PDB file of all heavy atoms in Angstrom:
ATOM      1  N   GLN A   1       0.856  -1.204   0.077  1.00  0.00           N
ATOM      2  CA  GLN A   1      -0.054   0.033  -0.017  1.00  0.00           C
ATOM      3  C   GLN A   1       0.793   1.259  -0.046  1.00  0.00           C
ATOM      4  O   GLN A   1       0.333   2.354  -0.302  1.00  0.00           O
ATOM      5  CB  GLN A   1      -1.017   0.034   1.228  1.00  0.00           C
ATOM      6  CG  GLN A   1      -0.305  -0.118   2.568  1.00  0.00           C
ATOM      7  CD  GLN A   1      -1.532  -0.369   3.553  1.00  0.00           C
ATOM      8  OE1 GLN A   1      -2.547  -0.713   3.294  1.00  0.00           O
ATOM      9  NE2 GLN A   1      -1.086  -0.038   4.868  1.00  0.00           N
ATOM     10  N   GLU A   2       2.184   1.179   0.231  1.00  0.00           N
ATOM     11  CA  GLU A   2       3.098   2.252   0.243  1.00  0.00           C
ATOM     12  C   GLU A   2       3.189   2.806  -1.250  1.00  0.00           C
ATOM     13  O   GLU A   2       3.424   3.937  -1.453  1.00  0.00           O
ATOM     14  CB  GLU A   2       4.553   1.942   0.747  1.00  0.00           C
ATOM     15  CG  GLU A   2       4.586   1.463   2.132  1.00  0.00           C
ATOM     16  CD  GLU A   2       5.934   0.725   2.413  1.00  0.00           C
ATOM     17  OE1 GLU A   2       6.799   0.714   1.563  1.00  0.00           O
ATOM     18  OE2 GLU A   2       6.107   0.262   3.519  1.00  0.00           O
ATOM     19  N   ILE A   3       3.001   1.871  -2.227  1.00  0.00           N
ATOM     20  CA  ILE A   3       3.217   2.316  -3.641  1.00  0.00           C
ATOM     21  C   ILE A   3       1.956   2.253  -4.456  1.00  0.00           C
ATOM     22  O   ILE A   3       1.980   2.451  -5.686  1.00  0.00           O
ATOM     23  CB  ILE A   3       4.344   1.433  -4.363  1.00  0.00           C
ATOM     24  CG1 ILE A   3       4.094  -0.050  -4.137  1.00  0.00           C
ATOM     25  CG2 ILE A   3       5.698   1.703  -3.741  1.00  0.00           C
ATOM     26  CD1 ILE A   3       4.875  -0.934  -5.042  1.00  0.00           C
ATOM     27  N   ALA A   4       0.810   1.733  -3.850  1.00  0.00           N
ATOM     28  CA  ALA A   4      -0.449   1.585  -4.577  1.00  0.00           C
ATOM     29  C   ALA A   4      -1.499   2.660  -4.142  1.00  0.00           C
ATOM     30  O   ALA A   4      -1.565   3.084  -3.039  1.00  0.00           O
ATOM     31  CB  ALA A   4      -0.999   0.134  -4.113  1.00  0.00           C
ATOM     32  N   GLY A   5      -2.133   3.147  -5.186  1.00  0.00           N
ATOM     33  CA  GLY A   5      -3.197   4.159  -4.942  1.00  0.00           C
ATOM     34  C   GLY A   5      -4.432   3.425  -4.496  1.00  0.00           C
ATOM     35  O   GLY A   5      -4.415   2.164  -4.306  1.00  0.00           O
ATOM     36  N   PRO A   6      -5.347   4.270  -3.965  1.00  0.00           N
ATOM     37  CA  PRO A   6      -6.654   3.660  -3.393  1.00  0.00           C
ATOM     38  C   PRO A   6      -7.326   2.531  -4.215  1.00  0.00           C
ATOM     39  O   PRO A   6      -7.820   1.616  -3.744  1.00  0.00           O
ATOM     40  CB  PRO A   6      -7.533   4.921  -3.062  1.00  0.00           C
ATOM     41  CG  PRO A   6      -6.578   6.076  -3.221  1.00  0.00           C
ATOM     42  CD  PRO A   6      -5.418   5.681  -4.061  1.00  0.00           C
ATOM     43  N   GLU A   7      -7.341   2.884  -5.498  1.00  0.00           N
ATOM     44  CA  GLU A   7      -8.062   1.923  -6.459  1.00  0.00           C
ATOM     45  C   GLU A   7      -7.255   0.569  -6.502  1.00  0.00           C
ATOM     46  O   GLU A   7      -7.942  -0.580  -6.537  1.00  0.00           O
ATOM     47  CB  GLU A   7      -8.010   2.512  -7.919  1.00  0.00           C
ATOM     48  CG  GLU A   7      -9.213   3.580  -8.181  1.00  0.00           C
ATOM     49  CD  GLU A   7      -9.216   4.045  -9.661  1.00  0.00           C
ATOM     50  OE1 GLU A   7      -8.773   3.320 -10.422  1.00  0.00           O
ATOM     51  OE2 GLU A   7      -9.768   5.076  -9.759  1.00  0.00           O
ATOM     52  N   THR A   8      -6.020   0.649  -6.502  1.00  0.00           N
ATOM     53  CA  THR A   8      -5.239  -0.635  -6.506  1.00  0.00           C
ATOM     54  C   THR A   8      -5.363  -1.359  -5.276  1.00  0.00           C
ATOM     55  O   THR A   8      -5.562  -2.628  -5.174  1.00  0.00           O
ATOM     56  CB  THR A   8      -3.759  -0.285  -6.780  1.00  0.00           C
ATOM     57  OG1 THR A   8      -3.688   0.571  -7.885  1.00  0.00           O
ATOM     58  CG2 THR A   8      -2.911  -1.573  -6.963  1.00  0.00           C
ATOM     59  N   VAL A   9      -5.377  -0.632  -4.180  1.00  0.00           N
ATOM     60  CA  VAL A   9      -5.683  -1.333  -2.828  1.00  0.00           C
ATOM     61  C   VAL A   9      -7.006  -2.015  -2.780  1.00  0.00           C
ATOM     62  O   VAL A   9      -7.111  -3.181  -2.341  1.00  0.00           O
ATOM     63  CB  VAL A   9      -5.556  -0.374  -1.635  1.00  0.00           C
ATOM     64  CG1 VAL A   9      -5.976  -0.927  -0.334  1.00  0.00           C
ATOM     65  CG2 VAL A   9      -4.094   0.178  -1.608  1.00  0.00           C
ATOM     66  N   LEU A  10      -8.076  -1.374  -3.383  1.00  0.00           N
ATOM     67  CA  LEU A  10      -9.338  -1.909  -3.406  1.00  0.00           C
ATOM     68  C   LEU A  10      -9.360  -3.210  -4.342  1.00  0.00           C
ATOM     69  O   LEU A  10     -10.019  -4.187  -4.009  1.00  0.00           O
ATOM     70  CB  LEU A  10     -10.291  -1.003  -4.032  1.00  0.00           C
ATOM     71  CG  LEU A  10     -10.936   0.068  -3.011  1.00  0.00           C
ATOM     72  CD1 LEU A  10     -11.748   1.137  -3.763  1.00  0.00           C
ATOM     73  CD2 LEU A  10     -11.623  -0.547  -1.959  1.00  0.00           C
ATOM     74  N   ALA A  11      -8.558  -3.186  -5.465  1.00  0.00           N
ATOM     75  CA  ALA A  11      -8.463  -4.385  -6.301  1.00  0.00           C
ATOM     76  C   ALA A  11      -7.848  -5.537  -5.588  1.00  0.00           C
ATOM     77  O   ALA A  11      -8.339  -6.643  -5.675  1.00  0.00           O
ATOM     78  CB  ALA A  11      -7.730  -4.019  -7.517  1.00  0.00           C
ATOM     79  N   ILE A  12      -6.890  -5.210  -4.770  1.00  0.00           N
ATOM     80  CA  ILE A  12      -6.084  -6.298  -4.090  1.00  0.00           C
ATOM     81  C   ILE A  12      -7.016  -6.814  -2.984  1.00  0.00           C
ATOM     82  O   ILE A  12      -7.062  -8.126  -2.800  1.00  0.00           O
ATOM     83  CB  ILE A  12      -4.765  -5.752  -3.410  1.00  0.00           C
ATOM     84  CG1 ILE A  12      -3.729  -5.471  -4.555  1.00  0.00           C
ATOM     85  CG2 ILE A  12      -4.172  -6.637  -2.505  1.00  0.00           C
ATOM     86  CD1 ILE A  12      -2.609  -4.612  -4.190  1.00  0.00           C
ATOM     87  N   LEU A  13      -7.783  -5.973  -2.283  1.00  0.00           N
ATOM     88  CA  LEU A  13      -8.758  -6.474  -1.181  1.00  0.00           C
ATOM     89  C   LEU A  13      -9.811  -7.370  -1.972  1.00  0.00           C
ATOM     90  O   LEU A  13     -10.246  -8.267  -1.387  1.00  0.00           O
ATOM     91  CB  LEU A  13      -9.417  -5.374  -0.483  1.00  0.00           C
ATOM     92  CG  LEU A  13      -8.456  -4.628   0.387  1.00  0.00           C
ATOM     93  CD1 LEU A  13      -9.202  -3.327   0.923  1.00  0.00           C
ATOM     94  CD2 LEU A  13      -7.966  -5.425   1.538  1.00  0.00           C
ATOM     95  N   TYR A  14     -10.253  -7.000  -3.132  1.00  0.00           N
ATOM     96  CA  TYR A  14     -11.229  -7.739  -3.887  1.00  0.00           C
ATOM     97  C   TYR A  14     -10.496  -9.075  -4.173  1.00  0.00           C
ATOM     98  O   TYR A  14     -11.272 -10.113  -3.998  1.00  0.00           O
ATOM     99  CB  TYR A  14     -11.590  -7.040  -5.264  1.00  0.00           C
ATOM    100  CG  TYR A  14     -12.166  -7.905  -6.243  1.00  0.00           C
ATOM    101  CD1 TYR A  14     -13.639  -8.218  -6.098  1.00  0.00           C
ATOM    102  CD2 TYR A  14     -11.522  -8.372  -7.302  1.00  0.00           C
ATOM    103  CE1 TYR A  14     -14.173  -9.028  -7.014  1.00  0.00           C
ATOM    104  CE2 TYR A  14     -12.168  -9.225  -8.306  1.00  0.00           C
ATOM    105  CZ  TYR A  14     -13.502  -9.522  -8.159  1.00  0.00           C
ATOM    106  OH  TYR A  14     -14.134 -10.366  -9.007  1.00  0.00           O
ATOM    107  N   LEU A  15      -9.389  -9.189  -4.612  1.00  0.00           N
ATOM    108  CA  LEU A  15      -8.725 -10.450  -4.907  1.00  0.00           C
ATOM    109  C   LEU A  15      -8.645 -11.282  -3.687  1.00  0.00           C
ATOM    110  O   LEU A  15      -8.913 -12.518  -3.764  1.00  0.00           O
ATOM    111  CB  LEU A  15      -7.263 -10.213  -5.385  1.00  0.00           C
ATOM    112  CG  LEU A  15      -7.060  -9.766  -6.819  1.00  0.00           C
ATOM    113  CD1 LEU A  15      -5.498  -9.568  -7.078  1.00  0.00           C
ATOM    114  CD2 LEU A  15      -7.550 -10.909  -7.848  1.00  0.00           C
ATOM    115  N   MET A  16      -8.332 -10.713  -2.492  1.00  0.00           N
ATOM    116  CA  MET A  16      -8.128 -11.603  -1.342  1.00  0.00           C
ATOM    117  C   MET A  16      -9.614 -12.110  -0.915  1.00  0.00           C
ATOM    118  O   MET A  16      -9.582 -13.171  -0.341  1.00  0.00           O
ATOM    119  CB  MET A  16      -7.507 -10.577  -0.242  1.00  0.00           C
ATOM    120  CG  MET A  16      -6.017 -10.348  -0.420  1.00  0.00           C
ATOM    121  SD  MET A  16      -5.449  -9.026   0.628  1.00  0.00           S
ATOM    122  CE  MET A  16      -5.510  -9.872   2.239  1.00  0.00           C
ATOM    123  N   HIS A  17     -10.563 -11.373  -1.253  1.00  0.00           N
ATOM    124  CA  HIS A  17     -11.932 -11.748  -0.954  1.00  0.00           C
ATOM    125  C   HIS A  17     -12.427 -12.858  -1.764  1.00  0.00           C
ATOM    126  O   HIS A  17     -12.940 -13.931  -1.457  1.00  0.00           O
ATOM    127  CB  HIS A  17     -12.884 -10.545  -0.900  1.00  0.00           C
ATOM    128  CG  HIS A  17     -14.342 -11.008  -0.656  1.00  0.00           C
ATOM    129  ND1 HIS A  17     -14.782 -11.268   0.529  1.00  0.00           N
ATOM    130  CD2 HIS A  17     -15.403 -11.152  -1.619  1.00  0.00           C
ATOM    131  CE1 HIS A  17     -16.038 -11.677   0.412  1.00  0.00           C
ATOM    132  NE2 HIS A  17     -16.502 -11.501  -0.826  1.00  0.00           N
ATOM    133  N   GLU A  18     -12.052 -12.778  -3.106  1.00  0.00           N
ATOM    134  CA  GLU A  18     -12.373 -13.676  -4.174  1.00  0.00           C
ATOM    135  C   GLU A  18     -11.691 -15.007  -4.006  1.00  0.00           C
ATOM    136  O   GLU A  18     -12.255 -16.133  -4.279  1.00  0.00           O
ATOM    137  CB  GLU A  18     -12.069 -13.122  -5.550  1.00  0.00           C
ATOM    138  CG  GLU A  18     -13.063 -12.211  -6.069  1.00  0.00           C
ATOM    139  CD  GLU A  18     -14.201 -12.874  -6.716  1.00  0.00           C
ATOM    140  OE1 GLU A  18     -14.194 -13.517  -7.765  1.00  0.00           O
ATOM    141  OE2 GLU A  18     -15.250 -12.709  -6.007  1.00  0.00           O
ATOM    142  N   ILE A  19     -10.390 -14.872  -3.608  1.00  0.00           N
ATOM    143  CA  ILE A  19      -9.589 -16.147  -3.445  1.00  0.00           C
ATOM    144  C   ILE A  19      -9.040 -16.115  -2.040  1.00  0.00           C
ATOM    145  O   ILE A  19      -7.902 -15.791  -1.697  1.00  0.00           O
ATOM    146  CB  ILE A  19      -8.376 -16.018  -4.554  1.00  0.00           C
ATOM    147  CG1 ILE A  19      -9.053 -15.838  -5.842  1.00  0.00           C
ATOM    148  CG2 ILE A  19      -7.706 -17.430  -4.497  1.00  0.00           C
ATOM    149  CD1 ILE A  19      -7.893 -15.443  -6.914  1.00  0.00           C
ATOM    150  N   PRO A  20      -9.910 -16.789  -1.156  1.00  0.00           N
ATOM    151  CA  PRO A  20      -9.321 -16.819   0.246  1.00  0.00           C
ATOM    152  C   PRO A  20      -8.005 -17.803   0.248  1.00  0.00           C
ATOM    153  O   PRO A  20      -7.883 -18.579  -0.686  1.00  0.00           O
ATOM    154  CB  PRO A  20     -10.506 -17.463   0.984  1.00  0.00           C
ATOM    155  CG  PRO A  20     -11.440 -18.063  -0.096  1.00  0.00           C
ATOM    156  CD  PRO A  20     -11.103 -17.230  -1.358  1.00  0.00           C
ATOM    157  N   GLN A  21      -7.289 -17.753   1.342  1.00  0.00           N
ATOM    158  CA  GLN A  21      -6.071 -18.391   1.499  1.00  0.00           C
ATOM    159  C   GLN A  21      -6.228 -20.009   1.218  1.00  0.00           C
ATOM    160  O   GLN A  21      -5.463 -20.622   0.589  1.00  0.00           O
ATOM    161  CB  GLN A  21      -5.537 -18.256   2.849  1.00  0.00           C
ATOM    162  CG  GLN A  21      -4.083 -18.780   2.972  1.00  0.00           C
ATOM    163  CD  GLN A  21      -3.122 -17.746   3.302  1.00  0.00           C
ATOM    164  OE1 GLN A  21      -3.533 -16.754   4.036  1.00  0.00           O
ATOM    165  NE2 GLN A  21      -1.964 -17.711   2.904  1.00  0.00           N
ATOM    166  N   SER A  22      -7.432 -20.477   1.575  1.00  0.00           N
ATOM    167  CA  SER A  22      -7.627 -21.944   1.406  1.00  0.00           C
ATOM    168  C   SER A  22      -7.807 -22.345  -0.004  1.00  0.00           C
ATOM    169  O   SER A  22      -7.682 -23.517  -0.441  1.00  0.00           O
ATOM    170  CB  SER A  22      -9.039 -22.187   2.166  1.00  0.00           C
ATOM    171  OG  SER A  22     -10.094 -21.477   1.690  1.00  0.00           O
ATOM    172  N   GLN A  23      -8.038 -21.372  -0.881  1.00  0.00           N
ATOM    173  CA  GLN A  23      -8.228 -21.649  -2.344  1.00  0.00           C
ATOM    174  C   GLN A  23      -6.979 -21.291  -3.170  1.00  0.00           C
ATOM    175  O   GLN A  23      -6.993 -21.358  -4.374  1.00  0.00           O
ATOM    176  CB  GLN A  23      -9.359 -20.900  -2.925  1.00  0.00           C
ATOM    177  CG  GLN A  23     -10.763 -21.547  -2.557  1.00  0.00           C
ATOM    178  CD  GLN A  23     -11.989 -20.676  -3.070  1.00  0.00           C
ATOM    179  OE1 GLN A  23     -11.862 -20.038  -4.077  1.00  0.00           O
ATOM    180  NE2 GLN A  23     -13.051 -20.699  -2.354  1.00  0.00           N
ATOM    181  N   THR A  24      -5.968 -20.854  -2.462  1.00  0.00           N
ATOM    182  CA  THR A  24      -4.629 -20.523  -3.212  1.00  0.00           C
ATOM    183  C   THR A  24      -3.891 -21.870  -3.463  1.00  0.00           C
ATOM    184  O   THR A  24      -4.062 -22.935  -2.641  1.00  0.00           O
ATOM    185  CB  THR A  24      -3.735 -19.534  -2.488  1.00  0.00           C
ATOM    186  OG1 THR A  24      -3.396 -20.180  -1.177  1.00  0.00           O
ATOM    187  CG2 THR A  24      -4.386 -18.287  -2.272  1.00  0.00           C
ATOM    188  N   THR A  25      -3.003 -21.941  -4.422  1.00  0.00           N
ATOM    189  CA  THR A  25      -2.223 -23.140  -4.739  1.00  0.00           C
ATOM    190  C   THR A  25      -0.764 -22.650  -4.837  1.00  0.00           C
ATOM    191  O   THR A  25      -0.345 -22.566  -6.013  1.00  0.00           O
ATOM    192  CB  THR A  25      -2.777 -23.752  -5.950  1.00  0.00           C
ATOM    193  OG1 THR A  25      -2.921 -22.794  -7.103  1.00  0.00           O
ATOM    194  CG2 THR A  25      -4.066 -24.539  -5.837  1.00  0.00           C
ATOM    195  N   PRO A  26      -0.100 -22.417  -3.774  1.00  0.00           N
ATOM    196  CA  PRO A  26       1.255 -21.788  -3.897  1.00  0.00           C
ATOM    197  C   PRO A  26       2.062 -22.679  -4.778  1.00  0.00           C
ATOM    198  O   PRO A  26       2.228 -23.871  -4.609  1.00  0.00           O
ATOM    199  CB  PRO A  26       1.655 -21.834  -2.408  1.00  0.00           C
ATOM    200  CG  PRO A  26       0.362 -21.818  -1.537  1.00  0.00           C
ATOM    201  CD  PRO A  26      -0.618 -22.539  -2.311  1.00  0.00           C
ATOM    202  N   PHE A  27       2.934 -21.876  -5.572  1.00  0.00           N
ATOM    203  CA  PHE A  27       3.675 -22.639  -6.533  1.00  0.00           C
ATOM    204  C   PHE A  27       4.769 -23.502  -5.837  1.00  0.00           C
ATOM    205  O   PHE A  27       5.168 -24.554  -6.384  1.00  0.00           O
ATOM    206  CB  PHE A  27       4.403 -21.593  -7.442  1.00  0.00           C
ATOM    207  CG  PHE A  27       5.255 -22.218  -8.640  1.00  0.00           C
ATOM    208  CD1 PHE A  27       4.589 -22.819  -9.738  1.00  0.00           C
ATOM    209  CD2 PHE A  27       6.646 -22.110  -8.529  1.00  0.00           C
ATOM    210  CE1 PHE A  27       5.291 -23.322 -10.787  1.00  0.00           C
ATOM    211  CE2 PHE A  27       7.330 -22.794  -9.605  1.00  0.00           C
ATOM    212  CZ  PHE A  27       6.656 -23.377 -10.799  1.00  0.00           C
ATOM    213  N   ILE A  28       5.241 -23.054  -4.713  1.00  0.00           N
ATOM    214  CA  ILE A  28       6.216 -23.826  -4.031  1.00  0.00           C
ATOM    215  C   ILE A  28       5.682 -25.270  -3.580  1.00  0.00           C
ATOM    216  O   ILE A  28       6.601 -26.101  -3.377  1.00  0.00           O
ATOM    217  CB  ILE A  28       6.709 -23.050  -2.760  1.00  0.00           C
ATOM    218  CG1 ILE A  28       8.117 -23.537  -2.162  1.00  0.00           C
ATOM    219  CG2 ILE A  28       5.602 -22.894  -1.669  1.00  0.00           C
ATOM    220  CD1 ILE A  28       9.253 -23.330  -3.055  1.00  0.00           C
ATOM    221  N   ARG A  29       4.433 -25.392  -3.520  1.00  0.00           N
ATOM    222  CA  ARG A  29       3.943 -26.722  -3.339  1.00  0.00           C
ATOM    223  C   ARG A  29       3.771 -27.600  -4.482  1.00  0.00           C
ATOM    224  O   ARG A  29       3.260 -28.760  -4.403  1.00  0.00           O
ATOM    225  CB  ARG A  29       2.543 -26.572  -2.633  1.00  0.00           C
ATOM    226  CG  ARG A  29       2.604 -25.948  -1.220  1.00  0.00           C
ATOM    227  CD  ARG A  29       1.405 -26.163  -0.379  1.00  0.00           C
ATOM    228  NE  ARG A  29       1.279 -25.243   0.614  1.00  0.00           N
ATOM    229  CZ  ARG A  29       0.110 -24.688   0.967  1.00  0.00           C
ATOM    230  NH1 ARG A  29      -1.020 -25.077   0.453  1.00  0.00           N
ATOM    231  NH2 ARG A  29      -0.007 -23.882   1.988  1.00  0.00           N
ATOM    232  N   THR A  30       4.053 -27.250  -5.719  1.00  0.00           N
ATOM    233  CA  THR A  30       4.094 -28.012  -6.867  1.00  0.00           C
ATOM    234  C   THR A  30       4.932 -29.230  -6.594  1.00  0.00           C
ATOM    235  O   THR A  30       5.900 -29.107  -5.905  1.00  0.00           O
ATOM    236  CB  THR A  30       4.667 -27.149  -8.017  1.00  0.00           C
ATOM    237  OG1 THR A  30       4.148 -25.990  -8.154  1.00  0.00           O
ATOM    238  CG2 THR A  30       4.478 -27.943  -9.337  1.00  0.00           C
ATOM    239  N   THR A  31       4.572 -30.423  -7.143  1.00  0.00           N
ATOM    240  CA  THR A  31       5.317 -31.646  -6.802  1.00  0.00           C
ATOM    241  C   THR A  31       6.609 -31.563  -7.438  1.00  0.00           C
ATOM    242  O   THR A  31       6.812 -31.000  -8.451  1.00  0.00           O
ATOM    243  CB  THR A  31       4.570 -32.820  -7.283  1.00  0.00           C
ATOM    244  OG1 THR A  31       4.448 -32.733  -8.789  1.00  0.00           O
ATOM    245  CG2 THR A  31       3.032 -32.983  -6.831  1.00  0.00           C
ATOM    246  N   GLU A  32       7.618 -32.273  -6.805  1.00  0.00           N
ATOM    247  CA  GLU A  32       8.959 -32.367  -7.292  1.00  0.00           C
ATOM    248  C   GLU A  32       8.918 -33.024  -8.644  1.00  0.00           C
ATOM    249  O   GLU A  32       9.887 -32.759  -9.430  1.00  0.00           O
ATOM    250  CB  GLU A  32       9.728 -33.392  -6.352  1.00  0.00           C
ATOM    251  CG  GLU A  32      10.298 -32.502  -5.176  1.00  0.00           C
ATOM    252  CD  GLU A  32      11.636 -31.972  -5.336  1.00  0.00           C
ATOM    253  OE1 GLU A  32      12.436 -32.457  -6.169  1.00  0.00           O
ATOM    254  OE2 GLU A  32      11.996 -30.956  -4.770  1.00  0.00           O
ATOM    255  N   ARG A  33       8.030 -33.865  -9.048  1.00  0.00           N
ATOM    256  CA  ARG A  33       8.023 -34.498 -10.167  1.00  0.00           C
ATOM    257  C   ARG A  33       7.661 -33.489 -11.331  1.00  0.00           C
ATOM    258  O   ARG A  33       8.166 -33.682 -12.536  1.00  0.00           O
ATOM    259  CB  ARG A  33       6.737 -35.652 -10.244  1.00  0.00           C
ATOM    260  CG  ARG A  33       6.768 -36.652 -11.311  1.00  0.00           C
ATOM    261  CD  ARG A  33       5.762 -37.672 -10.981  1.00  0.00           C
ATOM    262  NE  ARG A  33       4.374 -37.208 -10.907  1.00  0.00           N
ATOM    263  CZ  ARG A  33       3.616 -36.810 -11.853  1.00  0.00           C
ATOM    264  NH1 ARG A  33       4.033 -36.882 -13.045  1.00  0.00           N
ATOM    265  NH2 ARG A  33       2.449 -36.270 -11.483  1.00  0.00           N
ATOM    266  N   GLU A  34       6.958 -32.533 -11.090  1.00  0.00           N
ATOM    267  CA  GLU A  34       6.505 -31.429 -12.029  1.00  0.00           C
ATOM    268  C   GLU A  34       7.756 -30.495 -12.211  1.00  0.00           C
ATOM    269  O   GLU A  34       8.234 -30.142 -13.219  1.00  0.00           O
ATOM    270  CB  GLU A  34       5.371 -30.688 -11.588  1.00  0.00           C
ATOM    271  CG  GLU A  34       4.021 -31.364 -12.030  1.00  0.00           C
ATOM    272  CD  GLU A  34       2.945 -30.518 -11.767  1.00  0.00           C
ATOM    273  OE1 GLU A  34       2.615 -29.484 -12.489  1.00  0.00           O
ATOM    274  OE2 GLU A  34       2.289 -30.701 -10.568  1.00  0.00           O
ATOM    275  N   VAL A  35       8.291 -29.880 -11.014  1.00  0.00           N
ATOM    276  CA  VAL A  35       9.247 -28.901 -10.951  1.00  0.00           C
ATOM    277  C   VAL A  35      10.172 -29.225  -9.744  1.00  0.00           C
ATOM    278  O   VAL A  35       9.663 -29.382  -8.524  1.00  0.00           O
ATOM    279  CB  VAL A  35       8.675 -27.386 -10.761  1.00  0.00           C
ATOM    280  CG1 VAL A  35       9.835 -26.435 -10.875  1.00  0.00           C
ATOM    281  CG2 VAL A  35       7.507 -27.164 -11.812  1.00  0.00           C
ATOM    282  N   SER A  36      11.499 -29.258 -10.004  1.00  0.00           N
ATOM    283  CA  SER A  36      12.470 -29.601  -9.035  1.00  0.00           C
ATOM    284  C   SER A  36      12.452 -28.475  -7.971  1.00  0.00           C
ATOM    285  O   SER A  36      12.127 -27.300  -8.109  1.00  0.00           O
ATOM    286  CB  SER A  36      13.834 -29.767  -9.561  1.00  0.00           C
ATOM    287  OG  SER A  36      14.458 -28.490  -9.720  1.00  0.00           O
ATOM    288  N   LEU A  37      12.883 -28.783  -6.711  1.00  0.00           N
ATOM    289  CA  LEU A  37      12.874 -27.850  -5.484  1.00  0.00           C
ATOM    290  C   LEU A  37      13.904 -26.703  -5.981  1.00  0.00           C
ATOM    291  O   LEU A  37      13.497 -25.543  -5.601  1.00  0.00           O
ATOM    292  CB  LEU A  37      13.407 -28.572  -4.280  1.00  0.00           C
ATOM    293  CG  LEU A  37      13.431 -27.604  -3.055  1.00  0.00           C
ATOM    294  CD1 LEU A  37      12.139 -26.991  -2.683  1.00  0.00           C
ATOM    295  CD2 LEU A  37      14.026 -28.401  -1.868  1.00  0.00           C
ATOM    296  N   ARG A  38      14.999 -26.927  -6.482  1.00  0.00           N
ATOM    297  CA  ARG A  38      15.961 -25.949  -6.996  1.00  0.00           C
ATOM    298  C   ARG A  38      15.260 -24.892  -7.817  1.00  0.00           C
ATOM    299  O   ARG A  38      15.530 -23.693  -7.626  1.00  0.00           O
ATOM    300  CB  ARG A  38      17.112 -26.511  -7.616  1.00  0.00           C
ATOM    301  CG  ARG A  38      18.133 -27.098  -6.707  1.00  0.00           C
ATOM    302  CD  ARG A  38      19.200 -28.019  -7.548  1.00  0.00           C
ATOM    303  NE  ARG A  38      20.203 -28.490  -6.579  1.00  0.00           N
ATOM    304  CZ  ARG A  38      21.117 -29.325  -7.058  1.00  0.00           C
ATOM    305  NH1 ARG A  38      21.166 -29.761  -8.338  1.00  0.00           N
ATOM    306  NH2 ARG A  38      22.119 -29.845  -6.106  1.00  0.00           N
ATOM    307  N   ASP A  39      14.562 -25.460  -8.850  1.00  0.00           N
ATOM    308  CA  ASP A  39      13.897 -24.492  -9.739  1.00  0.00           C
ATOM    309  C   ASP A  39      12.870 -23.730  -9.037  1.00  0.00           C
ATOM    310  O   ASP A  39      12.582 -22.528  -9.315  1.00  0.00           O
ATOM    311  CB  ASP A  39      13.282 -25.384 -10.899  1.00  0.00           C
ATOM    312  CG  ASP A  39      14.293 -25.868 -11.902  1.00  0.00           C
ATOM    313  OD1 ASP A  39      15.422 -25.611 -11.678  1.00  0.00           O
ATOM    314  OD2 ASP A  39      13.849 -26.681 -12.779  1.00  0.00           O
ATOM    315  N   LYS A  40      12.052 -24.430  -8.303  1.00  0.00           N
ATOM    316  CA  LYS A  40      11.034 -23.679  -7.450  1.00  0.00           C
ATOM    317  C   LYS A  40      11.628 -22.574  -6.615  1.00  0.00           C
ATOM    318  O   LYS A  40      11.013 -21.499  -6.512  1.00  0.00           O
ATOM    319  CB  LYS A  40      10.140 -24.662  -6.505  1.00  0.00           C
ATOM    320  CG  LYS A  40       9.245 -25.578  -7.258  1.00  0.00           C
ATOM    321  CD  LYS A  40       8.303 -26.371  -6.488  1.00  0.00           C
ATOM    322  CE  LYS A  40       8.955 -27.514  -5.884  1.00  0.00           C
ATOM    323  NZ  LYS A  40       8.089 -28.416  -5.102  1.00  0.00           N
ATOM    324  N   LEU A  41      12.568 -22.811  -5.879  1.00  0.00           N
ATOM    325  CA  LEU A  41      13.321 -21.726  -5.105  1.00  0.00           C
ATOM    326  C   LEU A  41      13.697 -20.648  -5.916  1.00  0.00           C
ATOM    327  O   LEU A  41      13.577 -19.420  -5.458  1.00  0.00           O
ATOM    328  CB  LEU A  41      14.485 -22.342  -4.271  1.00  0.00           C
ATOM    329  CG  LEU A  41      14.015 -23.371  -3.143  1.00  0.00           C
ATOM    330  CD1 LEU A  41      15.231 -23.985  -2.589  1.00  0.00           C
ATOM    331  CD2 LEU A  41      13.198 -22.704  -2.087  1.00  0.00           C
ATOM    332  N   PHE A  42      14.407 -20.878  -7.065  1.00  0.00           N
ATOM    333  CA  PHE A  42      14.877 -19.832  -7.957  1.00  0.00           C
ATOM    334  C   PHE A  42      13.553 -19.065  -8.444  1.00  0.00           C
ATOM    335  O   PHE A  42      13.652 -17.757  -8.422  1.00  0.00           O
ATOM    336  CB  PHE A  42      15.648 -20.459  -9.121  1.00  0.00           C
ATOM    337  CG  PHE A  42      16.292 -19.506 -10.019  1.00  0.00           C
ATOM    338  CD1 PHE A  42      17.201 -18.489  -9.590  1.00  0.00           C
ATOM    339  CD2 PHE A  42      15.940 -19.453 -11.368  1.00  0.00           C
ATOM    340  CE1 PHE A  42      17.790 -17.643 -10.497  1.00  0.00           C
ATOM    341  CE2 PHE A  42      16.477 -18.617 -12.310  1.00  0.00           C
ATOM    342  CZ  PHE A  42      17.394 -17.705 -11.775  1.00  0.00           C
TER     343      PHE A  42
END
């Protein structure tokens, strides 16, 4: 929010509401078979 205007902050709040944490699929959790840990960290 230090670099985002009020409209952008509203857009981000909308995203957080639309996609609660339980519905996120963090890339770091992709299986090793798909993407190696070294690649995921990079």
